[in-house]
Amino acid sequence: MARKQFTTTIDEEVQEKFKEKCSQNGEKMNDVLEAFMKSYINGDFVIEKEVKFSIKKVKK
């Protein structure tokens, strides 16, 4: 299978922690990301998004 370059943006702290964890486990980040992608495609997990709104009283 041909390899395709993949570029995206991500939260800096998440990227740093992910890179560190992959390094600790002796894994390449791209291999872990590809495994996540394949699992997502296969329906092994779903993403649930939660939106939260809050209202705060303003002092006048």
PDB file of N, CA and C in Angstrom:
ATOM      1  N   MET A   1       0.840  -1.179   0.000  1.00  0.00           N
ATOM      2  CA  MET A   1       0.000   0.000   0.000  1.00  0.00           C
ATOM      3  C   MET A   1       0.884   1.241   0.000  1.00  0.00           C
ATOM      4  N   ALA A   2       0.495   2.200  -0.792  1.00  0.00           N
ATOM      5  CA  ALA A   2       1.258   3.450  -0.875  1.00  0.00           C
ATOM      6  C   ALA A   2       1.071   4.260   0.402  1.00  0.00           C
ATOM      7  N   ARG A   3       2.071   5.023   0.751  1.00  0.00           N
ATOM      8  CA  ARG A   3       2.017   5.889   1.933  1.00  0.00           C
ATOM      9  C   ARG A   3       1.661   7.299   1.484  1.00  0.00           C
ATOM     10  N   LYS A   4       0.883   8.000   2.275  1.00  0.00           N
ATOM     11  CA  LYS A   4       0.425   9.356   1.960  1.00  0.00           C
ATOM     12  C   LYS A   4       0.760  10.260   3.137  1.00  0.00           C
ATOM     13  N   GLN A   5       1.371  11.401   2.866  1.00  0.00           N
ATOM     14  CA  GLN A   5       1.689  12.357   3.919  1.00  0.00           C
ATOM     15  C   GLN A   5       0.394  12.981   4.444  1.00  0.00           C
ATOM     16  N   PHE A   6       0.348  13.213   5.748  1.00  0.00           N
ATOM     17  CA  PHE A   6      -0.854  13.718   6.405  1.00  0.00           C
ATOM     18  C   PHE A   6      -0.460  14.867   7.325  1.00  0.00           C
ATOM     19  N   THR A   7      -1.015  16.048   7.085  1.00  0.00           N
ATOM     20  CA  THR A   7      -0.681  17.217   7.888  1.00  0.00           C
ATOM     21  C   THR A   7      -1.968  17.810   8.442  1.00  0.00           C
ATOM     22  N   THR A   8      -1.948  18.154   9.726  1.00  0.00           N
ATOM     23  CA  THR A   8      -3.116  18.752  10.357  1.00  0.00           C
ATOM     24  C   THR A   8      -2.684  19.620  11.536  1.00  0.00           C
ATOM     25  N   THR A   9      -3.622  20.296  12.138  1.00  0.00           N
ATOM     26  CA  THR A   9      -3.321  21.062  13.342  1.00  0.00           C
ATOM     27  C   THR A   9      -3.960  20.366  14.540  1.00  0.00           C
ATOM     28  N   ILE A  10      -3.332  20.525  15.695  1.00  0.00           N
ATOM     29  CA  ILE A  10      -3.816  19.895  16.923  1.00  0.00           C
ATOM     30  C   ILE A  10      -3.357  20.735  18.104  1.00  0.00           C
ATOM     31  N   ASP A  11      -4.068  20.629  19.197  1.00  0.00           N
ATOM     32  CA  ASP A  11      -3.700  21.341  20.412  1.00  0.00           C
ATOM     33  C   ASP A  11      -2.246  21.025  20.773  1.00  0.00           C
ATOM     34  N   GLU A  12      -1.467  22.066  21.017  1.00  0.00           N
ATOM     35  CA  GLU A  12      -0.033  21.900  21.261  1.00  0.00           C
ATOM     36  C   GLU A  12       0.264  20.984  22.445  1.00  0.00           C
ATOM     37  N   GLU A  13      -0.462  21.145  23.540  1.00  0.00           N
ATOM     38  CA  GLU A  13      -0.229  20.319  24.730  1.00  0.00           C
ATOM     39  C   GLU A  13      -0.548  18.849  24.462  1.00  0.00           C
ATOM     40  N   VAL A  14      -1.626  18.606  23.734  1.00  0.00           N
ATOM     41  CA  VAL A  14      -1.991  17.232  23.374  1.00  0.00           C
ATOM     42  C   VAL A  14      -0.890  16.606  22.535  1.00  0.00           C
ATOM     43  N   GLN A  15      -0.390  17.349  21.560  1.00  0.00           N
ATOM     44  CA  GLN A  15       0.677  16.831  20.687  1.00  0.00           C
ATOM     45  C   GLN A  15       1.941  16.514  21.480  1.00  0.00           C
ATOM     46  N   GLU A  16       2.307  17.408  22.392  1.00  0.00           N
ATOM     47  CA  GLU A  16       3.516  17.194  23.190  1.00  0.00           C
ATOM     48  C   GLU A  16       3.385  15.958  24.074  1.00  0.00           C
ATOM     49  N   LYS A  17       2.232  15.795  24.725  1.00  0.00           N
ATOM     50  CA  LYS A  17       2.013  14.639  25.600  1.00  0.00           C
ATOM     51  C   LYS A  17       1.941  13.346  24.793  1.00  0.00           C
ATOM     52  N   PHE A  18       1.318  13.417  23.615  1.00  0.00           N
ATOM     53  CA  PHE A  18       1.227  12.245  22.748  1.00  0.00           C
ATOM     54  C   PHE A  18       2.614  11.820  22.283  1.00  0.00           C
ATOM     55  N   LYS A  19       3.403  12.780  21.871  1.00  0.00           N
ATOM     56  CA  LYS A  19       4.769  12.506  21.427  1.00  0.00           C
ATOM     57  C   LYS A  19       5.582  11.865  22.553  1.00  0.00           C
ATOM     58  N   GLU A  20       5.446  12.402  23.755  1.00  0.00           N
ATOM     59  CA  GLU A  20       6.170  11.874  24.911  1.00  0.00           C
ATOM     60  C   GLU A  20       5.734  10.445  25.228  1.00  0.00           C
ATOM     61  N   LYS A  21       4.429  10.192  25.208  1.00  0.00           N
ATOM     62  CA  LYS A  21       3.910   8.851  25.502  1.00  0.00           C
ATOM     63  C   LYS A  21       4.366   7.846  24.455  1.00  0.00           C
ATOM     64  N   CYS A  22       4.321   8.231  23.195  1.00  0.00           N
ATOM     65  CA  CYS A  22       4.789   7.343  22.130  1.00  0.00           C
ATOM     66  C   CYS A  22       6.269   7.016  22.325  1.00  0.00           C
ATOM     67  N   SER A  23       7.051   8.021  22.666  1.00  0.00           N
ATOM     68  CA  SER A  23       8.478   7.825  22.900  1.00  0.00           C
ATOM     69  C   SER A  23       8.714   6.867  24.063  1.00  0.00           C
ATOM     70  N   GLN A  24       7.972   7.050  25.140  1.00  0.00           N
ATOM     71  CA  GLN A  24       8.095   6.171  26.312  1.00  0.00           C
ATOM     72  C   GLN A  24       7.793   4.718  25.953  1.00  0.00           C
ATOM     73  N   ASN A  25       6.838   4.538  25.038  1.00  0.00           N
ATOM     74  CA  ASN A  25       6.435   3.185  24.642  1.00  0.00           C
ATOM     75  C   ASN A  25       7.214   2.648  23.446  1.00  0.00           C
ATOM     76  N   GLY A  26       8.169   3.440  22.953  1.00  0.00           N
ATOM     77  CA  GLY A  26       8.965   2.997  21.812  1.00  0.00           C
ATOM     78  C   GLY A  26       8.173   2.905  20.520  1.00  0.00           C
ATOM     79  N   GLU A  27       7.137   3.724  20.413  1.00  0.00           N
ATOM     80  CA  GLU A  27       6.272   3.722  19.232  1.00  0.00           C
ATOM     81  C   GLU A  27       6.481   4.987  18.412  1.00  0.00           C
ATOM     82  N   LYS A  28       6.272   4.894  17.110  1.00  0.00           N
ATOM     83  CA  LYS A  28       6.272   6.068  16.243  1.00  0.00           C
ATOM     84  C   LYS A  28       4.874   6.678  16.291  1.00  0.00           C
ATOM     85  N   MET A  29       4.817   8.017  16.350  1.00  0.00           N
ATOM     86  CA  MET A  29       3.521   8.680  16.408  1.00  0.00           C
ATOM     87  C   MET A  29       2.645   8.306  15.217  1.00  0.00           C
ATOM     88  N   ASN A  30       3.213   8.245  14.030  1.00  0.00           N
ATOM     89  CA  ASN A  30       2.407   7.932  12.849  1.00  0.00           C
ATOM     90  C   ASN A  30       1.831   6.513  12.909  1.00  0.00           C
ATOM     91  N   ASP A  31       2.569   5.567  13.506  1.00  0.00           N
ATOM     92  CA  ASP A  31       2.044   4.205  13.635  1.00  0.00           C
ATOM     93  C   ASP A  31       0.852   4.162  14.585  1.00  0.00           C
ATOM     94  N   VAL A  32       0.944   4.896  15.690  1.00  0.00           N
ATOM     95  CA  VAL A  32      -0.151   4.936  16.660  1.00  0.00           C
ATOM     96  C   VAL A  32      -1.369   5.636  16.052  1.00  0.00           C
ATOM     97  N   LEU A  33      -1.144   6.752  15.367  1.00  0.00           N
ATOM     98  CA  LEU A  33      -2.248   7.455  14.725  1.00  0.00           C
ATOM     99  C   LEU A  33      -2.933   6.586  13.671  1.00  0.00           C
ATOM    100  N   GLU A  34      -2.141   5.865  12.906  1.00  0.00           N
ATOM    101  CA  GLU A  34      -2.720   4.985  11.885  1.00  0.00           C
ATOM    102  C   GLU A  34      -3.553   3.883  12.526  1.00  0.00           C
ATOM    103  N   ALA A  35      -3.083   3.342  13.651  1.00  0.00           N
ATOM    104  CA  ALA A  35      -3.844   2.310  14.365  1.00  0.00           C
ATOM    105  C   ALA A  35      -5.169   2.880  14.874  1.00  0.00           C
ATOM    106  N   PHE A  36      -5.129   4.111  15.415  1.00  0.00           N
ATOM    107  CA  PHE A  36      -6.368   4.759  15.851  1.00  0.00           C
ATOM    108  C   PHE A  36      -7.320   4.939  14.675  1.00  0.00           C
ATOM    109  N   MET A  37      -6.810   5.399  13.544  1.00  0.00           N
ATOM    110  CA  MET A  37      -7.644   5.628  12.368  1.00  0.00           C
ATOM    111  C   MET A  37      -8.300   4.336  11.903  1.00  0.00           C
ATOM    112  N   LYS A  38      -7.524   3.261  11.834  1.00  0.00           N
ATOM    113  CA  LYS A  38      -8.076   1.970  11.399  1.00  0.00           C
ATOM    114  C   LYS A  38      -9.146   1.482  12.368  1.00  0.00           C
ATOM    115  N   SER A  39      -8.911   1.644  13.656  1.00  0.00           N
ATOM    116  CA  SER A  39      -9.903   1.230  14.656  1.00  0.00           C
ATOM    117  C   SER A  39     -11.181   2.044  14.525  1.00  0.00           C
ATOM    118  N   TYR A  40     -11.038   3.339  14.258  1.00  0.00           N
ATOM    119  CA  TYR A  40     -12.198   4.211  14.073  1.00  0.00           C
ATOM    120  C   TYR A  40     -12.989   3.788  12.829  1.00  0.00           C
ATOM    121  N   ILE A  41     -12.294   3.543  11.744  1.00  0.00           N
ATOM    122  CA  ILE A  41     -12.927   3.096  10.502  1.00  0.00           C
ATOM    123  C   ILE A  41     -13.684   1.786  10.715  1.00  0.00           C
ATOM    124  N   ASN A  42     -13.092   0.880  11.501  1.00  0.00           N
ATOM    125  CA  ASN A  42     -13.694  -0.429  11.763  1.00  0.00           C
ATOM    126  C   ASN A  42     -14.833  -0.371  12.780  1.00  0.00           C
ATOM    127  N   GLY A  43     -15.085   0.812  13.341  1.00  0.00           N
ATOM    128  CA  GLY A  43     -16.173   0.955  14.296  1.00  0.00           C
ATOM    129  C   GLY A  43     -15.835   0.473  15.695  1.00  0.00           C
ATOM    130  N   ASP A  44     -14.545   0.342  16.003  1.00  0.00           N
ATOM    131  CA  ASP A  44     -14.132  -0.129  17.323  1.00  0.00           C
ATOM    132  C   ASP A  44     -14.412   0.898  18.411  1.00  0.00           C
ATOM    133  N   PHE A  45     -14.541   2.151  18.045  1.00  0.00           N
ATOM    134  CA  PHE A  45     -14.918   3.194  18.987  1.00  0.00           C
ATOM    135  C   PHE A  45     -15.585   4.334  18.232  1.00  0.00           C
ATOM    136  N   VAL A  46     -16.307   5.162  18.969  1.00  0.00           N
ATOM    137  CA  VAL A  46     -16.959   6.342  18.402  1.00  0.00           C
ATOM    138  C   VAL A  46     -16.527   7.558  19.206  1.00  0.00           C
ATOM    139  N   ILE A  47     -16.651   8.697  18.611  1.00  0.00           N
ATOM    140  CA  ILE A  47     -16.334   9.955  19.267  1.00  0.00           C
ATOM    141  C   ILE A  47     -17.643  10.602  19.701  1.00  0.00           C
ATOM    142  N   GLU A  48     -17.717  10.972  20.969  1.00  0.00           N
ATOM    143  CA  GLU A  48     -18.872  11.690  21.481  1.00  0.00           C
ATOM    144  C   GLU A  48     -18.417  13.090  21.861  1.00  0.00           C
ATOM    145  N   LYS A  49     -19.051  14.074  21.282  1.00  0.00           N
ATOM    146  CA  LYS A  49     -18.702  15.460  21.570  1.00  0.00           C
ATOM    147  C   LYS A  49     -19.717  16.031  22.548  1.00  0.00           C
ATOM    148  N   GLU A  50     -19.225  16.844  23.471  1.00  0.00           N
ATOM    149  CA  GLU A  50     -20.097  17.480  24.450  1.00  0.00           C
ATOM    150  C   GLU A  50     -19.880  18.988  24.380  1.00  0.00           C
ATOM    151  N   VAL A  51     -20.969  19.703  24.265  1.00  0.00           N
ATOM    152  CA  VAL A  51     -20.905  21.157  24.235  1.00  0.00           C
ATOM    153  C   VAL A  51     -21.494  21.663  25.539  1.00  0.00           C
ATOM    154  N   LYS A  52     -20.787  22.581  26.178  1.00  0.00           N
ATOM    155  CA  LYS A  52     -21.256  23.113  27.453  1.00  0.00           C
ATOM    156  C   LYS A  52     -21.310  24.630  27.369  1.00  0.00           C
ATOM    157  N   PHE A  53     -22.426  25.169  27.782  1.00  0.00           N
ATOM    158  CA  PHE A  53     -22.597  26.613  27.853  1.00  0.00           C
ATOM    159  C   PHE A  53     -22.858  26.977  29.303  1.00  0.00           C
ATOM    160  N   SER A  54     -22.344  28.104  29.729  1.00  0.00           N
ATOM    161  CA  SER A  54     -22.655  28.588  31.069  1.00  0.00           C
ATOM    162  C   SER A  54     -22.959  30.076  30.991  1.00  0.00           C
ATOM    163  N   ILE A  55     -23.820  30.501  31.881  1.00  0.00           N
ATOM    164  CA  ILE A  55     -24.202  31.916  31.943  1.00  0.00           C
ATOM    165  C   ILE A  55     -23.764  32.448  33.291  1.00  0.00           C
ATOM    166  N   LYS A  56     -23.064  33.560  33.260  1.00  0.00           N
ATOM    167  CA  LYS A  56     -22.596  34.185  34.488  1.00  0.00           C
ATOM    168  C   LYS A  56     -23.196  35.578  34.578  1.00  0.00           C
ATOM    169  N   LYS A  57     -23.636  35.906  35.759  1.00  0.00           N
ATOM    170  CA  LYS A  57     -24.225  37.217  35.988  1.00  0.00           C
ATOM    171  C   LYS A  57     -23.134  38.282  35.981  1.00  0.00           C
ATOM    172  N   VAL A  58     -23.390  39.368  35.275  1.00  0.00           N
ATOM    173  CA  VAL A  58     -22.454  40.475  35.181  1.00  0.00           C
ATOM    174  C   VAL A  58     -22.831  41.504  36.237  1.00  0.00           C
ATOM    175  N   LYS A  59     -21.841  41.943  37.011  1.00  0.00           N
ATOM    176  CA  LYS A  59     -22.083  42.987  38.017  1.00  0.00           C
ATOM    177  C   LYS A  59     -22.168  44.325  37.314  1.00  0.00           C
ATOM    178  N   LYS A  60     -23.193  45.093  37.666  1.00  0.00           N
ATOM    179  CA  LYS A  60     -23.393  46.407  37.044  1.00  0.00           C
ATOM    180  C   LYS A  60     -23.139  47.509  38.031  1.00  0.00           C
TER     181      LYS A  60
END
